Amino acid sequence: PFLIYLAVRSLMSGERQRDLVVRLVLLGGVIVSVWAFYGFVTVG
């Protein structure tokens, strides 16, 4: 996590890059959410 912090601090240079990273993070979250609620519907 500390290396992630150093990498983001030194490599991210503007709003476009920030928004790109955030979009990818949220895309991953949406995929995981679909996975989780599929499990909830079928098992939970």
All heavy atoms as atom14 arrays in JSON, in Angstrom:
{
  "sequence": "PFLIYLAVRSLMSGERQRDLVVRLVLLGGVIVSVWAFYGFVTVG",
  "atom14_mask": [
    [1, 1, 1, 1, 1, 1, 1, 0, 0, 0, 0, 0, 0, 0],
    [1, 1, 1, 1, 1, 1, 1, 1, 1, 1, 1, 0, 0, 0],
    [1, 1, 1, 1, 1, 1, 1, 1, 0, 0, 0, 0, 0, 0],
    [1, 1, 1, 1, 1, 1, 1, 1, 0, 0, 0, 0, 0, 0],
    [1, 1, 1, 1, 1, 1, 1, 1, 1, 1, 1, 1, 0, 0],
    [1, 1, 1, 1, 1, 1, 1, 1, 0, 0, 0, 0, 0, 0],
    [1, 1, 1, 1, 1, 0, 0, 0, 0, 0, 0, 0, 0, 0],
    [1, 1, 1, 1, 1, 1, 1, 0, 0, 0, 0, 0, 0, 0],
    [1, 1, 1, 1, 1, 1, 1, 1, 1, 1, 1, 0, 0, 0],
    [1, 1, 1, 1, 1, 1, 0, 0, 0, 0, 0, 0, 0, 0],
    [1, 1, 1, 1, 1, 1, 1, 1, 0, 0, 0, 0, 0, 0],
    [1, 1, 1, 1, 1, 1, 1, 1, 0, 0, 0, 0, 0, 0],
    [1, 1, 1, 1, 1, 1, 0, 0, 0, 0, 0, 0, 0, 0],
    [1, 1, 1, 1, 0, 0, 0, 0, 0, 0, 0, 0, 0, 0],
    [1, 1, 1, 1, 1, 1, 1, 1, 1, 0, 0, 0, 0, 0],
    [1, 1, 1, 1, 1, 1, 1, 1, 1, 1, 1, 0, 0, 0],
    [1, 1, 1, 1, 1, 1, 1, 1, 1, 0, 0, 0, 0, 0],
    [1, 1, 1, 1, 1, 1, 1, 1, 1, 1, 1, 0, 0, 0],
    [1, 1, 1, 1, 1, 1, 1, 1, 0, 0, 0, 0, 0, 0],
    [1, 1, 1, 1, 1, 1, 1, 1, 0, 0, 0, 0, 0, 0],
    [1, 1, 1, 1, 1, 1, 1, 0, 0, 0, 0, 0, 0, 0],
    [1, 1, 1, 1, 1, 1, 1, 0, 0, 0, 0, 0, 0, 0],
    [1, 1, 1, 1, 1, 1, 1, 1, 1, 1, 1, 0, 0, 0],
    [1, 1, 1, 1, 1, 1, 1, 1, 0, 0, 0, 0, 0, 0],
    [1, 1, 1, 1, 1, 1, 1, 0, 0, 0, 0, 0, 0, 0],
    [1, 1, 1, 1, 1, 1, 1, 1, 0, 0, 0, 0, 0, 0],
    [1, 1, 1, 1, 1, 1, 1, 1, 0, 0, 0, 0, 0, 0],
    [1, 1, 1, 1, 0, 0, 0, 0, 0, 0, 0, 0, 0, 0],
    [1, 1, 1, 1, 0, 0, 0, 0, 0, 0, 0, 0, 0, 0],
    [1, 1, 1, 1, 1, 1, 1, 0, 0, 0, 0, 0, 0, 0],
    [1, 1, 1, 1, 1, 1, 1, 1, 0, 0, 0, 0, 0, 0],
    [1, 1, 1, 1, 1, 1, 1, 0, 0, 0, 0, 0, 0, 0],
    [1, 1, 1, 1, 1, 1, 0, 0, 0, 0, 0, 0, 0, 0],
    [1, 1, 1, 1, 1, 1, 1, 0, 0, 0, 0, 0, 0, 0],
    [1, 1, 1, 1, 1, 1, 1, 1, 1, 1, 1, 1, 1, 1],
    [1, 1, 1, 1, 1, 0, 0, 0, 0, 0, 0, 0, 0, 0],
    [1, 1, 1, 1, 1, 1, 1, 1, 1, 1, 1, 0, 0, 0],
    [1, 1, 1, 1, 1, 1, 1, 1, 1, 1, 1, 1, 0, 0],
    [1, 1, 1, 1, 0, 0, 0, 0, 0, 0, 0, 0, 0, 0],
    [1, 1, 1, 1, 1, 1, 1, 1, 1, 1, 1, 0, 0, 0],
    [1, 1, 1, 1, 1, 1, 1, 0, 0, 0, 0, 0, 0, 0],
    [1, 1, 1, 1, 1, 1, 1, 0, 0, 0, 0, 0, 0, 0],
    [1, 1, 1, 1, 1, 1, 1, 0, 0, 0, 0, 0, 0, 0],
    [1, 1, 1, 1, 0, 0, 0, 0, 0, 0, 0, 0, 0, 0]
  ],
  "atom14_positions": [
    [[0.82, -1.23, 0.0], [0.0, 0.0, 0.0], [0.85, 1.27, 0.0], [0.48, 2.27, -0.63], [-0.83, -0.12, 1.29], [-0.81, -1.57, 1.62], [0.52, -2.06, 1.17], [0.0, 0.0, 0.0], [0.0, 0.0, 0.0], [0.0, 0.0, 0.0], [0.0, 0.0, 0.0], [0.0, 0.0, 0.0], [0.0, 0.0, 0.0], [0.0, 0.0, 0.0]],
    [[1.98, 1.22, 0.71], [2.87, 2.38, 0.76], [3.47, 2.66, -0.62], [3.61, 3.82, -1.03], [3.97, 2.13, 1.79], [4.92, 3.29, 1.97], [4.45, 4.52, 2.4], [6.28, 3.15, 1.71], [5.32, 5.6, 2.57], [7.14, 4.21, 1.87], [6.67, 5.43, 2.3], [0.0, 0.0, 0.0], [0.0, 0.0, 0.0], [0.0, 0.0, 0.0]],
    [[3.81, 1.6, -1.36], [4.33, 1.77, -2.72], [3.25, 2.33, -3.65], [3.54, 3.13, -4.54], [4.84, 0.44, -3.25], [6.1, -0.12, -2.57], [6.41, -1.52, -3.08], [7.29, 0.81, -2.78], [0.0, 0.0, 0.0], [0.0, 0.0, 0.0], [0.0, 0.0, 0.0], [0.0, 0.0, 0.0], [0.0, 0.0, 0.0], [0.0, 0.0, 0.0]],
    [[2.0, 1.89, -3.45], [0.89, 2.45, -4.22], [0.79, 3.96, -3.98], [0.62, 4.75, -4.92], [-0.44, 1.77, -3.84], [-0.46, 0.31, -4.31], [-1.63, 2.52, -4.39], [-0.61, 0.13, -5.8], [0.0, 0.0, 0.0], [0.0, 0.0, 0.0], [0.0, 0.0, 0.0], [0.0, 0.0, 0.0], [0.0, 0.0, 0.0], [0.0, 0.0, 0.0]],
    [[0.91, 4.36, -2.74], [0.87, 5.77, -2.37], [1.98, 6.56, -3.06], [1.74, 7.62, -3.66], [0.99, 5.88, -0.85], [1.57, 7.16, -0.31], [0.82, 8.32, -0.26], [2.89, 7.19, 0.16], [1.37, 9.5, 0.24], [3.44, 8.35, 0.65], [2.68, 9.51, 0.69], [3.22, 10.66, 1.18], [0.0, 0.0, 0.0], [0.0, 0.0, 0.0]],
    [[3.2, 6.03, -3.03], [4.32, 6.72, -3.67], [4.14, 6.79, -5.18], [4.43, 7.83, -5.8], [5.63, 5.99, -3.34], [6.12, 6.05, -1.89], [7.35, 5.18, -1.72], [6.4, 7.48, -1.46], [0.0, 0.0, 0.0], [0.0, 0.0, 0.0], [0.0, 0.0, 0.0], [0.0, 0.0, 0.0], [0.0, 0.0, 0.0], [0.0, 0.0, 0.0]],
    [[3.65, 5.7, -5.77], [3.46, 5.67, -7.22], [2.4, 6.67, -7.65], [2.61, 7.44, -8.62], [3.08, 4.26, -7.67], [0.0, 0.0, 0.0], [0.0, 0.0, 0.0], [0.0, 0.0, 0.0], [0.0, 0.0, 0.0], [0.0, 0.0, 0.0], [0.0, 0.0, 0.0], [0.0, 0.0, 0.0], [0.0, 0.0, 0.0], [0.0, 0.0, 0.0]],
    [[1.28, 6.69, -6.97], [0.19, 7.62, -7.34], [0.63, 9.06, -7.13], [0.39, 9.93, -7.97], [-1.08, 7.3, -6.53], [-2.14, 8.37, -6.74], [-1.63, 5.93, -6.92], [0.0, 0.0, 0.0], [0.0, 0.0, 0.0], [0.0, 0.0, 0.0], [0.0, 0.0, 0.0], [0.0, 0.0, 0.0], [0.0, 0.0, 0.0], [0.0, 0.0, 0.0]],
    [[1.3, 9.32, -6.03], [1.74, 10.69, -5.73], [2.71, 11.21, -6.78], [2.68, 12.4, -7.14], [2.43, 10.72, -4.36], [2.77, 12.12, -3.87], [3.57, 12.08, -2.58], [4.92, 11.56, -2.8], [5.82, 11.43, -1.83], [5.5, 11.73, -0.59], [7.02, 10.96, -2.1], [0.0, 0.0, 0.0], [0.0, 0.0, 0.0], [0.0, 0.0, 0.0]],
    [[3.56, 10.34, -7.31], [4.59, 10.8, -8.25], [4.16, 10.69, -9.7], [4.71, 11.39, -10.56], [5.88, 10.0, -8.05], [5.66, 8.61, -8.27], [0.0, 0.0, 0.0], [0.0, 0.0, 0.0], [0.0, 0.0, 0.0], [0.0, 0.0, 0.0], [0.0, 0.0, 0.0], [0.0, 0.0, 0.0], [0.0, 0.0, 0.0], [0.0, 0.0, 0.0]],
    [[3.18, 9.82, -10.03], [2.82, 9.58, -11.42], [1.56, 10.29, -11.88], [1.4, 10.6, -13.06], [2.65, 8.08, -11.66], [3.88, 7.21, -11.45], [3.52, 5.74, -11.55], [4.96, 7.56, -12.47], [0.0, 0.0, 0.0], [0.0, 0.0, 0.0], [0.0, 0.0, 0.0], [0.0, 0.0, 0.0], [0.0, 0.0, 0.0], [0.0, 0.0, 0.0]],
    [[0.64, 10.55, -10.98], [-0.62, 11.19, -11.36], [-0.39, 12.69, -11.54], [0.03, 13.37, -10.6], [-1.69, 10.93, -10.29], [-3.07, 11.42, -10.67], [-4.31, 11.0, -9.4], [-4.49, 9.25, -9.69], [0.0, 0.0, 0.0], [0.0, 0.0, 0.0], [0.0, 0.0, 0.0], [0.0, 0.0, 0.0], [0.0, 0.0, 0.0], [0.0, 0.0, 0.0]],
    [[-0.68, 13.18, -12.74], [-0.31, 14.56, -13.04], [-1.49, 15.48, -13.36], [-1.29, 16.64, -13.71], [0.66, 14.59, -14.23], [0.06, 14.02, -15.38], [0.0, 0.0, 0.0], [0.0, 0.0, 0.0], [0.0, 0.0, 0.0], [0.0, 0.0, 0.0], [0.0, 0.0, 0.0], [0.0, 0.0, 0.0], [0.0, 0.0, 0.0], [0.0, 0.0, 0.0]],
    [[-2.72, 14.99, -13.26], [-3.83, 15.87, -13.55], [-5.18, 15.21, -13.36], [-5.27, 14.03, -13.01], [0.0, 0.0, 0.0], [0.0, 0.0, 0.0], [0.0, 0.0, 0.0], [0.0, 0.0, 0.0], [0.0, 0.0, 0.0], [0.0, 0.0, 0.0], [0.0, 0.0, 0.0], [0.0, 0.0, 0.0], [0.0, 0.0, 0.0], [0.0, 0.0, 0.0]],
    [[-6.23, 15.98, -13.58], [-7.59, 15.5, -13.35], [-7.97, 14.35, -14.28], [-8.7, 13.45, -13.89], [-8.58, 16.65, -13.51], [-8.48, 17.71, -12.43], [-9.55, 18.78, -12.59], [-10.63, 18.45, -13.13], [-9.31, 19.92, -12.18], [0.0, 0.0, 0.0], [0.0, 0.0, 0.0], [0.0, 0.0, 0.0], [0.0, 0.0, 0.0], [0.0, 0.0, 0.0]],
    [[-7.49, 14.39, -15.53], [-7.84, 13.32, -16.47], [-7.34, 11.97, -15.95], [-8.07, 10.98, -16.0], [-7.24, 13.61, -17.85], [-7.92, 14.74, -18.61], [-7.24, 14.94, -19.95], [-7.85, 16.01, -20.72], [-8.88, 15.84, -21.55], [-9.4, 14.64, -21.7], [-9.38, 16.86, -22.21], [0.0, 0.0, 0.0], [0.0, 0.0, 0.0], [0.0, 0.0, 0.0]],
    [[-6.12, 11.94, -15.49], [-5.57, 10.7, -14.97], [-6.29, 10.28, -13.69], [-6.56, 9.11, -13.48], [-4.07, 10.84, -14.73], [-3.28, 10.96, -16.02], [-1.79, 10.98, -15.76], [-1.33, 11.35, -14.68], [-1.0, 10.6, -16.76], [0.0, 0.0, 0.0], [0.0, 0.0, 0.0], [0.0, 0.0, 0.0], [0.0, 0.0, 0.0], [0.0, 0.0, 0.0]],
    [[-6.59, 11.25, -12.86], [-7.33, 10.94, -11.63], [-8.67, 10.32, -11.95], [-9.05, 9.28, -11.37], [-7.54, 12.23, -10.82], [-8.32, 12.03, -9.52], [-8.97, 13.32, -9.07], [-10.03, 13.73, -9.99], [-10.62, 14.93, -9.95], [-10.26, 15.81, -9.06], [-11.59, 15.21, -10.81], [0.0, 0.0, 0.0], [0.0, 0.0, 0.0], [0.0, 0.0, 0.0]],
    [[-9.4, 10.92, -12.87], [-10.72, 10.4, -13.22], [-10.64, 9.04, -13.89], [-11.51, 8.18, -13.7], [-11.45, 11.39, -14.14], [-11.83, 12.67, -13.41], [-11.86, 12.65, -12.17], [-12.1, 13.69, -14.09], [0.0, 0.0, 0.0], [0.0, 0.0, 0.0], [0.0, 0.0, 0.0], [0.0, 0.0, 0.0], [0.0, 0.0, 0.0], [0.0, 0.0, 0.0]],
    [[-9.58, 8.81, -14.68], [-9.4, 7.5, -15.31], [-9.23, 6.42, -14.25], [-9.86, 5.36, -14.32], [-8.19, 7.53, -16.25], [-7.79, 6.18, -16.86], [-8.9, 5.64, -17.75], [-6.49, 6.32, -17.64], [0.0, 0.0, 0.0], [0.0, 0.0, 0.0], [0.0, 0.0, 0.0], [0.0, 0.0, 0.0], [0.0, 0.0, 0.0], [0.0, 0.0, 0.0]],
    [[-8.39, 6.69, -13.26], [-8.16, 5.71, -12.2], [-9.44, 5.47, -11.41], [-9.8, 4.32, -11.12], [-7.02, 6.18, -11.26], [-6.86, 5.2, -10.1], [-5.72, 6.3, -12.03], [0.0, 0.0, 0.0], [0.0, 0.0, 0.0], [0.0, 0.0, 0.0], [0.0, 0.0, 0.0], [0.0, 0.0, 0.0], [0.0, 0.0, 0.0], [0.0, 0.0, 0.0]],
    [[-10.14, 6.53, -11.05], [-11.37, 6.38, -10.28], [-12.41, 5.58, -11.06], [-13.11, 4.73, -10.49], [-11.93, 7.77, -9.88], [-13.32, 7.63, -9.27], [-10.99, 8.45, -8.89], [0.0, 0.0, 0.0], [0.0, 0.0, 0.0], [0.0, 0.0, 0.0], [0.0, 0.0, 0.0], [0.0, 0.0, 0.0], [0.0, 0.0, 0.0], [0.0, 0.0, 0.0]],
    [[-12.51, 5.84, -12.37], [-13.48, 5.08, -13.18], [-13.14, 3.59, -13.19], [-14.04, 2.74, -13.1], [-13.48, 5.62, -14.61], [-14.13, 6.99, -14.76], [-14.35, 7.32, -16.22], [-14.78, 8.71, -16.39], [-14.0, 9.7, -16.8], [-12.74, 9.43, -17.12], [-14.46, 10.92, -16.93], [0.0, 0.0, 0.0], [0.0, 0.0, 0.0], [0.0, 0.0, 0.0]],
    [[-11.86, 3.26, -13.31], [-11.47, 1.85, -13.3], [-11.75, 1.22, -11.94], [-12.18, 0.06, -11.85], [-9.99, 1.71, -13.66], [-9.64, 1.92, -15.14], [-8.13, 1.9, -15.35], [-10.3, 0.85, -16.0], [0.0, 0.0, 0.0], [0.0, 0.0, 0.0], [0.0, 0.0, 0.0], [0.0, 0.0, 0.0], [0.0, 0.0, 0.0], [0.0, 0.0, 0.0]],
    [[-11.51, 1.96, -10.88], [-11.81, 1.45, -9.54], [-13.3, 1.17, -9.39], [-13.71, 0.11, -8.88], [-11.33, 2.46, -8.47], [-11.86, 2.06, -7.09], [-9.81, 2.53, -8.43], [0.0, 0.0, 0.0], [0.0, 0.0, 0.0], [0.0, 0.0, 0.0], [0.0, 0.0, 0.0], [0.0, 0.0, 0.0], [0.0, 0.0, 0.0], [0.0, 0.0, 0.0]],
    [[-14.13, 2.09, -9.85], [-15.58, 1.91, -9.75], [-16.06, 0.8, -10.67], [-17.0, 0.06, -10.32], [-16.3, 3.22, -10.08], [-16.09, 4.37, -9.09], [-16.9, 5.59, -9.51], [-16.45, 3.95, -7.68], [0.0, 0.0, 0.0], [0.0, 0.0, 0.0], [0.0, 0.0, 0.0], [0.0, 0.0, 0.0], [0.0, 0.0, 0.0], [0.0, 0.0, 0.0]],
    [[-15.42, 0.65, -11.84], [-15.78, -0.46, -12.73], [-15.53, -1.79, -12.03], [-16.36, -2.7, -12.08], [-14.97, -0.37, -14.02], [-15.16, -1.53, -15.01], [-16.62, -1.61, -15.47], [-14.23, -1.36, -16.21], [0.0, 0.0, 0.0], [0.0, 0.0, 0.0], [0.0, 0.0, 0.0], [0.0, 0.0, 0.0], [0.0, 0.0, 0.0], [0.0, 0.0, 0.0]],
    [[-14.38, -1.89, -11.37], [-14.12, -3.1, -10.6], [-15.14, -3.31, -9.51], [-15.59, -4.44, -9.27], [0.0, 0.0, 0.0], [0.0, 0.0, 0.0], [0.0, 0.0, 0.0], [0.0, 0.0, 0.0], [0.0, 0.0, 0.0], [0.0, 0.0, 0.0], [0.0, 0.0, 0.0], [0.0, 0.0, 0.0], [0.0, 0.0, 0.0], [0.0, 0.0, 0.0]],
    [[-15.54, -2.22, -8.85], [-16.55, -2.32, -7.81], [-17.89, -2.78, -8.33], [-18.59, -3.56, -7.67], [0.0, 0.0, 0.0], [0.0, 0.0, 0.0], [0.0, 0.0, 0.0], [0.0, 0.0, 0.0], [0.0, 0.0, 0.0], [0.0, 0.0, 0.0], [0.0, 0.0, 0.0], [0.0, 0.0, 0.0], [0.0, 0.0, 0.0], [0.0, 0.0, 0.0]],
    [[-18.27, -2.31, -9.51], [-19.54, -2.73, -10.11], [-19.5, -4.23, -10.45], [-20.47, -4.96, -10.21], [-19.84, -1.9, -11.37], [-21.02, -2.48, -12.14], [-20.13, -0.45, -10.99], [0.0, 0.0, 0.0], [0.0, 0.0, 0.0], [0.0, 0.0, 0.0], [0.0, 0.0, 0.0], [0.0, 0.0, 0.0], [0.0, 0.0, 0.0], [0.0, 0.0, 0.0]],
    [[-18.38, -4.69, -11.02], [-18.25, -6.11, -11.34], [-18.37, -6.96, -10.08], [-19.08, -7.98, -10.06], [-16.91, -6.38, -12.05], [-16.9, -5.69, -13.42], [-16.67, -7.88, -12.2], [-15.55, -5.76, -14.12], [0.0, 0.0, 0.0], [0.0, 0.0, 0.0], [0.0, 0.0, 0.0], [0.0, 0.0, 0.0], [0.0, 0.0, 0.0], [0.0, 0.0, 0.0]],
    [[-17.7, -6.53, -9.03], [-17.77, -7.27, -7.77], [-19.19, -7.23, -7.21], [-19.68, -8.22, -6.65], [-16.76, -6.69, -6.76], [-16.97, -7.29, -5.37], [-15.34, -6.95, -7.23], [0.0, 0.0, 0.0], [0.0, 0.0, 0.0], [0.0, 0.0, 0.0], [0.0, 0.0, 0.0], [0.0, 0.0, 0.0], [0.0, 0.0, 0.0], [0.0, 0.0, 0.0]],
    [[-19.88, -6.1, -7.36], [-21.26, -5.99, -6.87], [-22.19, -6.96, -7.58], [-23.03, -7.61, -6.95], [-21.77, -4.55, -7.05], [-21.0, -3.64, -6.3], [0.0, 0.0, 0.0], [0.0, 0.0, 0.0], [0.0, 0.0, 0.0], [0.0, 0.0, 0.0], [0.0, 0.0, 0.0], [0.0, 0.0, 0.0], [0.0, 0.0, 0.0], [0.0, 0.0, 0.0]],
    [[-22.04, -7.05, -8.9], [-22.85, -8.0, -9.67], [-22.58, -9.42, -9.19], [-23.5, -10.22, -8.98], [-22.55, -7.87, -11.18], [-23.25, -8.98, -11.96], [-23.0, -6.5, -11.69], [0.0, 0.0, 0.0], [0.0, 0.0, 0.0], [0.0, 0.0, 0.0], [0.0, 0.0, 0.0], [0.0, 0.0, 0.0], [0.0, 0.0, 0.0], [0.0, 0.0, 0.0]],
    [[-21.3, -9.73, -8.97], [-20.91, -11.03, -8.47], [-21.54, -11.3, -7.1], [-22.08, -12.37, -6.83], [-19.38, -11.07, -8.38], [-18.75, -12.43, -8.19], [-19.32, -13.54, -7.66], [-17.42, -12.79, -8.53], [-18.43, -14.57, -7.63], [-17.26, -14.15, -8.18], [-16.35, -12.12, -9.1], [-16.05, -14.83, -8.36], [-15.16, -12.8, -9.29], [-15.02, -14.13, -8.93]],
    [[-21.46, -10.3, -6.22], [-21.97, -10.47, -4.85], [-23.48, -10.66, -4.85], [-24.0, -11.55, -4.15], [-21.58, -9.25, -4.01], [0.0, 0.0, 0.0], [0.0, 0.0, 0.0], [0.0, 0.0, 0.0], [0.0, 0.0, 0.0], [0.0, 0.0, 0.0], [0.0, 0.0, 0.0], [0.0, 0.0, 0.0], [0.0, 0.0, 0.0], [0.0, 0.0, 0.0]],
    [[-24.22, -9.85, -5.6], [-25.67, -9.96, -5.57], [-26.18, -11.18, -6.32], [-27.26, -11.68, -6.03], [-26.31, -8.67, -6.1], [-26.37, -7.58, -5.07], [-25.46, -6.53, -5.09], [-27.31, -7.63, -4.05], [-25.5, -5.54, -4.13], [-27.35, -6.63, -3.09], [-26.45, -5.59, -3.12], [0.0, 0.0, 0.0], [0.0, 0.0, 0.0], [0.0, 0.0, 0.0]],
    [[-25.39, -11.67, -7.28], [-25.73, -12.96, -7.88], [-25.68, -14.05, -6.82], [-26.58, -14.91, -6.74], [-24.77, -13.29, -9.03], [-24.98, -14.67, -9.6], [-26.03, -14.93, -10.47], [-24.13, -15.72, -9.24], [-26.23, -16.21, -10.99], [-24.33, -16.99, -9.75], [-25.37, -17.23, -10.62], [-25.56, -18.49, -11.12], [0.0, 0.0, 0.0], [0.0, 0.0, 0.0]],
    [[-24.64, -14.01, -5.99], [-24.56, -14.96, -4.88], [-25.67, -14.79, -3.88], [-26.19, -15.76, -3.33], [0.0, 0.0, 0.0], [0.0, 0.0, 0.0], [0.0, 0.0, 0.0], [0.0, 0.0, 0.0], [0.0, 0.0, 0.0], [0.0, 0.0, 0.0], [0.0, 0.0, 0.0], [0.0, 0.0, 0.0], [0.0, 0.0, 0.0], [0.0, 0.0, 0.0]],
    [[-26.07, -13.53, -3.66], [-27.15, -13.29, -2.71], [-28.47, -13.86, -3.23], [-29.22, -14.5, -2.49], [-27.3, -11.79, -2.46], [-28.47, -11.44, -1.6], [-28.46, -11.69, -0.23], [-29.62, -10.88, -2.15], [-29.56, -11.39, 0.56], [-30.71, -10.56, -1.36], [-30.68, -10.82, 0.0], [0.0, 0.0, 0.0], [0.0, 0.0, 0.0], [0.0, 0.0, 0.0]],
    [[-28.75, -13.64, -4.51], [-30.01, -14.13, -5.09], [-30.05, -15.65, -5.11], [-31.08, -16.27, -4.84], [-30.21, -13.55, -6.5], [-31.41, -14.21, -7.19], [-30.41, -12.04, -6.43], [0.0, 0.0, 0.0], [0.0, 0.0, 0.0], [0.0, 0.0, 0.0], [0.0, 0.0, 0.0], [0.0, 0.0, 0.0], [0.0, 0.0, 0.0], [0.0, 0.0, 0.0]],
    [[-28.92, -16.28, -5.45], [-28.91, -17.74, -5.6], [-28.71, -18.48, -4.29], [-29.18, -19.61, -4.14], [-27.8, -18.15, -6.58], [-26.54, -17.65, -6.1], [-28.08, -17.6, -7.97], [0.0, 0.0, 0.0], [0.0, 0.0, 0.0], [0.0, 0.0, 0.0], [0.0, 0.0, 0.0], [0.0, 0.0, 0.0], [0.0, 0.0, 0.0], [0.0, 0.0, 0.0]],
    [[-28.01, -17.88, -3.35], [-27.71, -18.56, -2.09], [-28.28, -17.83, -0.89], [-28.9, -18.42, -0.01], [-26.18, -18.72, -1.9], [-25.87, -19.43, -0.57], [-25.57, -19.49, -3.06], [0.0, 0.0, 0.0], [0.0, 0.0, 0.0], [0.0, 0.0, 0.0], [0.0, 0.0, 0.0], [0.0, 0.0, 0.0], [0.0, 0.0, 0.0], [0.0, 0.0, 0.0]],
    [[-28.07, -16.5, -0.85], [-28.48, -15.74, 0.32], [-29.97, -15.61, 0.49], [-30.5, -15.76, 1.59], [0.0, 0.0, 0.0], [0.0, 0.0, 0.0], [0.0, 0.0, 0.0], [0.0, 0.0, 0.0], [0.0, 0.0, 0.0], [0.0, 0.0, 0.0], [0.0, 0.0, 0.0], [0.0, 0.0, 0.0], [0.0, 0.0, 0.0], [0.0, 0.0, 0.0]]
  ]
}
